[in-house]
Amino acid sequence: MNDRPNLPALVAGASVSAIIPSNLEETWRLSTMIVEADLAPQALIGRAPAEDAGDEAWKRWGKKATSAVATVMMSGAELGLPPMVALRSFTVIGGRPALYGDGLINVVRRSGRCAYVRTGYDAAKKVGWCEAKRIDGEEKRVEFSETEARNAGLWDDKTTRRGKVWKNGKQEWGDVPNDSTWHRYPQRMLAWRAAGYCLRELFADVLGGIRDEFEAREIAGELIEHHHEEPAPAKAKLMPPSPPKPPSPSAAIKPQEEVATEQSEEGTATDSSEVEKEEPFDFGKFFEDLQIALQGARSITDVEDVWNEFDVEARFQDDDDSRQLADRIKSRRLLALNPLNGG
């Protein structure tokens, strides 16, 4: 008697095809599987709660992560990308899906409307370039120069940056090699930026408004982003001015001439001390330190702590323009930490 179970026979030579969900329920099931298998990019789903955060926190994060994966898969489906290819090609910046540079080219080439796409770097002119042509004959060439990258705040030629280093068995802030992509691969980045502009203009009907990651980061205010950035120095903490102290009730009434003499001497001493101590407020340094500190924030609570540490509301109580700029910097970081609320 044969006790072997009846198993389906293995068929050799079958074609390999992607699993494509056909409705919302199948999309949700596939998204859940991807999140539970820990295959979803952290940039998309965010950091998981702590182990002791409780069941409610884990449920909220699970629903949010699954929704993010499902949204990316649906965005990819609209561009003709299978689910797993979409996950590898998309990121979320400022609450909106964006394509990596190679993902942008992949979508255009798969569309059936592209005759060719070429990218490169011209060392003599110091420009990255992209040439593309549609099958209907329309073609375009776009160049993006080093000068344009500097003017846009993208260029990063510093050899080191501030980061955490191990010394004597503990982590401290120090100079570390600059790991910015604009520092390590400047020629490639110029070519990618040129490709983004070229392909979005020539194949607008294919891309449907999807931006490349580099332009999306610039719009979201994340021009150069490093992991574990050093927070702003403690000296940048600004406190509102203290109210003046009331005069002592026990002070004796002095003759008018003596009072005038003392006031003159005090005024001279105060003026000289203010000249020595008072320094002009450096708005550029303040906003740079604020942005660096917020980039180091890994949660909404961290953002609020940084905001309170810099005491922005007191500093710009009578300066609406500066306060609005600070609010925009804070909002961009909050959108990056909680992308699904970005609209």
Protein backbone atom coordinates (compact mmCIF):
# COMPACT_ATOMS: atom_id res chain seq x y z
CA MET A 1 0.00 0.00 0.00
CA ASN A 2 1.39 3.42 -0.98
CA ASP A 3 1.12 5.90 1.96
CA ARG A 4 2.78 8.77 0.09
CA PRO A 5 0.56 11.87 -0.06
CA ASN A 6 -0.81 12.94 -3.40
CA LEU A 7 1.25 16.01 -4.27
CA PRO A 8 0.89 18.05 -7.46
CA ALA A 9 3.49 17.24 -10.05
CA LEU A 10 6.26 19.78 -10.70
CA VAL A 11 6.08 21.09 -14.22
CA ALA A 12 9.34 22.22 -15.80
CA GLY A 13 9.62 24.97 -18.35
CA ALA A 14 6.68 27.12 -17.19
CA SER A 15 6.99 30.88 -17.74
CA VAL A 16 7.75 33.06 -14.74
CA SER A 17 5.25 35.85 -14.07
CA ALA A 18 4.61 38.31 -11.28
CA ILE A 19 1.70 37.96 -8.86
CA ILE A 20 -0.60 40.88 -9.72
CA PRO A 21 -3.52 41.65 -7.36
CA SER A 22 -6.75 42.28 -9.22
CA ASN A 23 -8.80 44.05 -6.53
CA LEU A 24 -8.41 45.97 -3.28
CA GLU A 25 -8.75 42.89 -1.06
CA GLU A 26 -5.93 41.07 -2.86
CA THR A 27 -3.80 44.22 -2.73
CA TRP A 28 -4.33 44.48 1.04
CA ARG A 29 -3.47 40.79 1.58
CA LEU A 30 -0.28 41.11 -0.45
CA SER A 31 0.66 44.32 1.38
CA THR A 32 0.10 42.63 4.75
CA MET A 33 2.34 39.74 3.69
CA ILE A 34 5.11 42.14 2.64
CA VAL A 35 4.97 44.10 5.93
CA GLU A 36 4.93 40.95 8.08
CA ALA A 37 7.89 39.54 6.14
CA ASP A 38 9.81 42.77 6.85
CA LEU A 39 10.35 43.37 3.12
CA ALA A 40 8.91 46.90 2.99
CA PRO A 41 11.47 49.75 2.92
CA GLN A 42 11.68 51.67 6.20
CA ALA A 43 11.54 54.96 4.28
CA LEU A 44 8.04 53.91 3.25
CA ILE A 45 6.54 52.42 6.41
CA GLY A 46 8.49 54.24 9.12
CA ARG A 47 10.17 52.79 12.18
CA ALA A 48 8.30 50.07 14.06
CA PRO A 49 7.23 50.77 17.68
CA ALA A 50 9.26 49.53 20.60
CA GLU A 51 8.67 45.96 21.72
CA ASP A 52 6.94 47.16 24.90
CA ALA A 53 4.81 49.81 23.15
CA GLY A 54 1.65 47.77 23.57
CA ASP A 55 -0.77 46.02 21.22
CA GLU A 56 -2.64 49.19 20.30
CA ALA A 57 0.50 50.95 19.07
CA TRP A 58 1.53 47.92 17.03
CA LYS A 59 -1.95 47.67 15.45
CA ARG A 60 -1.89 51.34 14.46
CA TRP A 61 1.58 51.00 12.96
CA GLY A 62 0.62 47.79 11.14
CA LYS A 63 -2.41 49.41 9.49
CA LYS A 64 -0.42 52.49 8.54
CA ALA A 65 2.47 50.44 7.11
CA THR A 66 0.14 48.15 5.17
CA SER A 67 -1.72 51.15 3.76
CA ALA A 68 1.55 52.74 2.63
CA VAL A 69 2.66 49.57 0.84
CA ALA A 70 -0.74 49.19 -0.82
CA THR A 71 -0.65 52.82 -1.98
CA VAL A 72 2.78 52.37 -3.56
CA MET A 73 1.70 49.18 -5.31
CA MET A 74 -1.36 50.95 -6.73
CA SER A 75 0.79 53.89 -7.83
CA GLY A 76 3.16 51.47 -9.53
CA ALA A 77 0.28 49.64 -11.22
CA GLU A 78 -0.83 52.90 -12.82
CA LEU A 79 2.66 53.16 -14.36
CA GLY A 80 2.77 49.51 -15.46
CA LEU A 81 5.05 48.24 -12.66
CA PRO A 82 4.51 44.87 -10.90
CA PRO A 83 4.08 45.12 -7.11
CA MET A 84 7.61 44.17 -6.02
CA VAL A 85 9.19 46.31 -8.74
CA ALA A 86 7.09 49.24 -7.51
CA LEU A 87 8.39 48.74 -3.97
CA ARG A 88 11.97 48.82 -5.26
CA SER A 89 11.35 51.86 -7.48
CA PHE A 90 9.28 54.13 -5.22
CA THR A 91 10.05 56.10 -2.11
CA VAL A 92 7.87 58.55 -0.18
CA ILE A 93 9.16 62.11 0.36
CA GLY A 94 7.08 64.86 1.89
CA GLY A 95 4.01 62.64 1.90
CA ARG A 96 4.08 61.96 -1.85
CA PRO A 97 5.38 58.99 -3.89
CA ALA A 98 8.56 59.66 -5.86
CA LEU A 99 10.62 57.45 -8.18
CA TYR A 100 14.29 56.70 -7.80
CA GLY A 101 16.40 57.76 -10.80
CA ASP A 102 16.62 54.30 -12.33
CA GLY A 103 12.92 53.74 -11.59
CA LEU A 104 12.06 56.81 -13.65
CA ILE A 105 13.98 55.45 -16.64
CA ASN A 106 12.46 51.99 -16.12
CA VAL A 107 8.91 53.34 -16.29
CA VAL A 108 9.63 55.33 -19.45
CA ARG A 109 11.27 52.39 -21.23
CA ARG A 110 8.47 49.98 -20.29
CA SER A 111 5.81 52.37 -21.56
CA GLY A 112 6.27 51.44 -25.22
CA ARG A 113 6.47 55.12 -26.16
CA CYS A 114 10.23 55.54 -25.81
CA ALA A 115 12.69 55.14 -28.68
CA TYR A 116 15.77 55.64 -26.47
CA VAL A 117 17.06 57.25 -23.27
CA ARG A 118 20.72 58.16 -22.82
CA THR A 119 22.48 59.85 -19.91
CA GLY A 120 26.06 60.98 -19.32
CA TYR A 121 28.48 63.61 -18.05
CA ASP A 122 30.45 66.16 -20.06
CA ALA A 123 33.71 66.79 -18.19
CA ALA A 124 34.68 69.76 -20.36
CA LYS A 125 31.44 71.64 -19.65
CA LYS A 126 30.95 70.15 -16.15
CA VAL A 127 27.35 69.21 -16.92
CA GLY A 128 25.25 66.08 -16.63
CA TRP A 129 23.00 65.45 -19.61
CA CYS A 130 20.08 63.33 -20.74
CA GLU A 131 18.84 62.70 -24.28
CA ALA A 132 15.53 60.97 -24.98
CA LYS A 133 13.26 60.39 -27.95
CA ARG A 134 9.67 59.26 -28.31
CA ILE A 135 8.60 56.75 -30.94
CA ASP A 136 6.48 59.49 -32.52
CA GLY A 137 9.69 61.41 -33.29
CA GLU A 138 9.73 64.09 -30.58
CA GLU A 139 13.10 64.32 -28.83
CA LYS A 140 14.73 66.40 -26.11
CA ARG A 141 18.13 67.03 -24.51
CA VAL A 142 18.53 68.57 -21.05
CA GLU A 143 21.75 69.56 -19.28
CA PHE A 144 22.25 70.24 -15.57
CA SER A 145 25.48 71.98 -14.62
CA GLU A 146 27.63 72.11 -11.51
CA THR A 147 26.85 75.82 -11.26
CA GLU A 148 23.11 75.09 -11.21
CA ALA A 149 23.64 72.46 -8.51
CA ARG A 150 25.54 74.97 -6.36
CA ASN A 151 22.89 77.63 -6.84
CA ALA A 152 20.20 75.13 -5.83
CA GLY A 153 22.09 74.16 -2.67
CA LEU A 154 22.64 70.60 -3.88
CA TRP A 155 26.41 70.57 -4.35
CA ASP A 156 28.33 69.17 -1.40
CA ASP A 157 32.13 69.28 -1.71
CA LYS A 158 32.98 69.09 2.00
CA THR A 159 35.20 66.09 2.73
CA THR A 160 33.86 65.61 6.28
CA ARG A 161 30.70 66.18 8.25
CA ARG A 162 29.70 66.01 11.89
CA GLY A 163 28.66 62.53 13.00
CA LYS A 164 28.91 59.97 15.79
CA VAL A 165 32.24 58.17 16.29
CA TRP A 166 33.34 55.60 18.85
CA LYS A 167 36.00 56.79 21.32
CA ASN A 168 37.03 54.95 24.47
CA GLY A 169 34.04 52.64 24.25
CA LYS A 170 31.39 55.35 23.83
CA GLN A 171 29.89 57.40 21.03
CA GLU A 172 30.87 61.04 20.65
CA TRP A 173 30.33 63.73 18.03
CA GLY A 174 33.25 64.24 15.69
CA ASP A 175 34.30 64.64 12.07
CA VAL A 176 33.44 61.65 9.87
CA PRO A 177 33.78 61.11 6.10
CA ASN A 178 31.05 62.85 4.13
CA ASP A 179 28.61 60.18 2.90
CA SER A 180 26.34 62.49 0.91
CA THR A 181 25.57 61.13 -2.55
CA TRP A 182 26.26 64.57 -4.01
CA HIS A 183 29.77 64.34 -2.52
CA ARG A 184 30.49 60.72 -3.47
CA TYR A 185 28.89 60.64 -6.92
CA PRO A 186 28.61 64.25 -8.16
CA GLN A 187 28.81 63.39 -11.87
CA ARG A 188 26.14 60.72 -11.59
CA MET A 189 23.88 63.01 -9.60
CA LEU A 190 24.13 65.73 -12.25
CA ALA A 191 23.10 63.20 -14.89
CA TRP A 192 20.17 61.96 -12.74
CA ARG A 193 18.91 65.51 -12.22
CA ALA A 194 19.09 66.17 -15.97
CA ALA A 195 17.21 62.91 -16.60
CA GLY A 196 14.48 63.90 -14.17
CA TYR A 197 13.80 67.18 -15.93
CA CYS A 198 14.09 65.67 -19.41
CA LEU A 199 11.83 62.66 -18.89
CA ARG A 200 9.15 64.48 -16.92
CA GLU A 201 8.77 66.99 -19.74
CA LEU A 202 9.01 64.58 -22.66
CA PHE A 203 6.96 61.75 -21.11
CA ALA A 204 4.47 63.68 -18.98
CA ASP A 205 1.67 61.46 -20.29
CA VAL A 206 3.52 58.36 -19.02
CA LEU A 207 4.68 59.60 -15.61
CA GLY A 208 1.48 61.39 -14.65
CA GLY A 209 3.13 64.00 -12.41
CA ILE A 210 5.41 61.60 -10.51
CA ARG A 211 8.70 63.33 -9.64
CA ASP A 212 12.14 61.84 -9.22
CA GLU A 213 13.47 61.52 -5.67
CA PHE A 214 16.04 64.32 -6.01
CA GLU A 215 13.56 66.97 -7.05
CA ALA A 216 11.09 65.70 -4.44
CA ARG A 217 13.71 66.06 -1.68
CA GLU A 218 14.51 69.59 -2.79
CA ILE A 219 10.83 70.55 -2.68
CA ALA A 220 10.44 68.92 0.75
CA GLY A 221 13.44 70.81 2.09
CA GLU A 222 15.76 67.79 2.45
CA LEU A 223 18.53 68.91 0.11
CA ILE A 224 21.34 66.99 1.83
CA GLU A 225 20.35 64.39 4.36
CA HIS A 226 22.67 62.27 6.50
CA HIS A 227 21.87 59.69 9.10
CA HIS A 228 22.75 60.56 12.71
CA GLU A 229 23.33 64.25 12.11
CA GLU A 230 24.73 66.17 15.04
CA PRO A 231 22.02 68.22 16.75
CA ALA A 232 22.40 71.96 17.04
CA PRO A 233 24.87 73.12 19.71
CA ALA A 234 23.52 74.01 23.11
CA LYS A 235 24.58 77.65 22.71
CA ALA A 236 21.91 78.03 20.03
CA LYS A 237 19.21 77.79 22.68
CA LEU A 238 17.45 81.11 22.88
CA MET A 239 15.44 82.29 25.87
CA PRO A 240 12.93 85.15 26.00
CA PRO A 241 14.20 88.27 27.80
CA SER A 242 13.50 88.47 31.53
CA PRO A 243 11.23 91.28 32.78
CA PRO A 244 13.02 94.18 34.51
CA LYS A 245 13.31 94.00 38.30
CA PRO A 246 11.19 96.48 40.29
CA PRO A 247 13.07 99.15 42.27
CA SER A 248 13.88 98.34 45.88
CA PRO A 249 11.32 99.88 48.25
CA SER A 250 14.02 100.58 50.82
CA ALA A 251 16.01 102.78 48.47
CA ALA A 252 16.44 106.24 49.97
CA ILE A 253 15.52 109.37 48.05
CA LYS A 254 18.67 111.07 46.87
CA PRO A 255 19.27 114.63 45.73
CA GLN A 256 18.48 115.27 42.05
CA GLU A 257 22.09 116.10 41.11
CA GLU A 258 23.42 112.93 42.74
CA VAL A 259 20.77 110.83 41.01
CA ALA A 260 21.60 112.40 37.65
CA THR A 261 25.32 111.72 38.18
CA GLU A 262 24.71 108.09 39.12
CA GLN A 263 22.40 107.58 36.14
CA SER A 264 25.04 109.01 33.83
CA GLU A 265 27.69 106.66 35.24
CA GLU A 266 25.36 103.66 35.09
CA GLY A 267 24.36 104.50 31.54
CA THR A 268 28.01 104.69 30.47
CA ALA A 269 28.78 101.36 32.15
CA THR A 270 25.72 99.72 30.63
CA ASP A 271 26.50 101.00 27.15
CA SER A 272 30.08 99.75 27.31
CA SER A 273 29.00 96.31 28.60
CA GLU A 274 26.37 96.02 25.86
CA VAL A 275 28.97 96.88 23.26
CA GLU A 276 31.18 94.14 24.61
CA LYS A 277 28.50 91.44 25.01
CA GLU A 278 25.84 92.06 22.38
CA GLU A 279 26.40 90.37 19.02
CA PRO A 280 24.23 90.64 15.91
CA PHE A 281 21.77 87.75 15.58
CA ASP A 282 22.84 85.38 12.80
CA PHE A 283 19.58 84.32 11.15
CA GLY A 284 21.34 82.05 8.65
CA LYS A 285 23.19 80.15 11.39
CA PHE A 286 20.01 79.86 13.49
CA PHE A 287 17.93 78.34 10.68
CA GLU A 288 20.80 76.07 9.61
CA ASP A 289 21.16 74.75 13.17
CA LEU A 290 17.39 74.36 13.45
CA GLN A 291 17.18 72.34 10.25
CA ILE A 292 20.11 70.10 11.22
CA ALA A 293 18.60 69.46 14.64
CA LEU A 294 15.19 68.62 13.14
CA GLN A 295 16.80 66.25 10.63
CA GLY A 296 18.18 64.35 13.63
CA ALA A 297 14.69 64.02 15.13
CA ARG A 298 13.36 60.48 14.67
CA SER A 299 9.85 60.99 16.04
CA ILE A 300 7.21 63.69 16.41
CA THR A 301 8.12 63.98 20.10
CA ASP A 302 11.75 64.62 19.15
CA VAL A 303 10.61 67.37 16.76
CA GLU A 304 8.66 69.11 19.53
CA ASP A 305 11.66 68.83 21.89
CA VAL A 306 13.92 70.50 19.32
CA TRP A 307 11.30 73.17 18.67
CA ASN A 308 11.05 73.97 22.39
CA GLU A 309 14.81 73.92 22.81
CA PHE A 310 15.25 76.60 20.14
CA ASP A 311 12.34 78.56 21.65
CA VAL A 312 11.21 79.71 18.21
CA GLU A 313 7.95 81.26 19.40
CA ALA A 314 9.70 83.62 21.81
CA ARG A 315 12.53 84.46 19.43
CA PHE A 316 10.25 85.44 16.53
CA GLN A 317 7.30 86.78 18.49
CA ASP A 318 7.40 90.05 16.52
CA ASP A 319 8.93 88.69 13.31
CA ASP A 320 6.20 87.04 11.21
CA ASP A 321 8.44 86.28 8.20
CA SER A 322 11.05 84.43 10.25
CA ARG A 323 8.37 82.58 12.20
CA GLN A 324 6.71 81.42 8.97
CA LEU A 325 10.07 80.16 7.66
CA ALA A 326 10.67 78.23 10.90
CA ASP A 327 7.14 76.76 10.70
CA ARG A 328 7.81 75.54 7.15
CA ILE A 329 11.05 73.84 8.22
CA LYS A 330 9.22 72.12 11.07
CA SER A 331 6.29 71.08 8.83
CA ARG A 332 8.63 69.49 6.29
CA ARG A 333 10.23 67.31 8.97
CA LEU A 334 6.84 66.29 10.34
CA LEU A 335 5.72 65.31 6.84
CA ALA A 336 8.87 63.24 6.37
CA LEU A 337 8.22 61.41 9.66
CA ASN A 338 4.50 60.93 9.02
CA PRO A 339 4.18 60.82 5.22
CA LEU A 340 0.61 59.53 5.00
CA ASN A 341 -0.66 62.78 6.51
CA GLY A 342 1.03 64.86 3.83
CA GLY A 343 -1.85 64.68 1.31
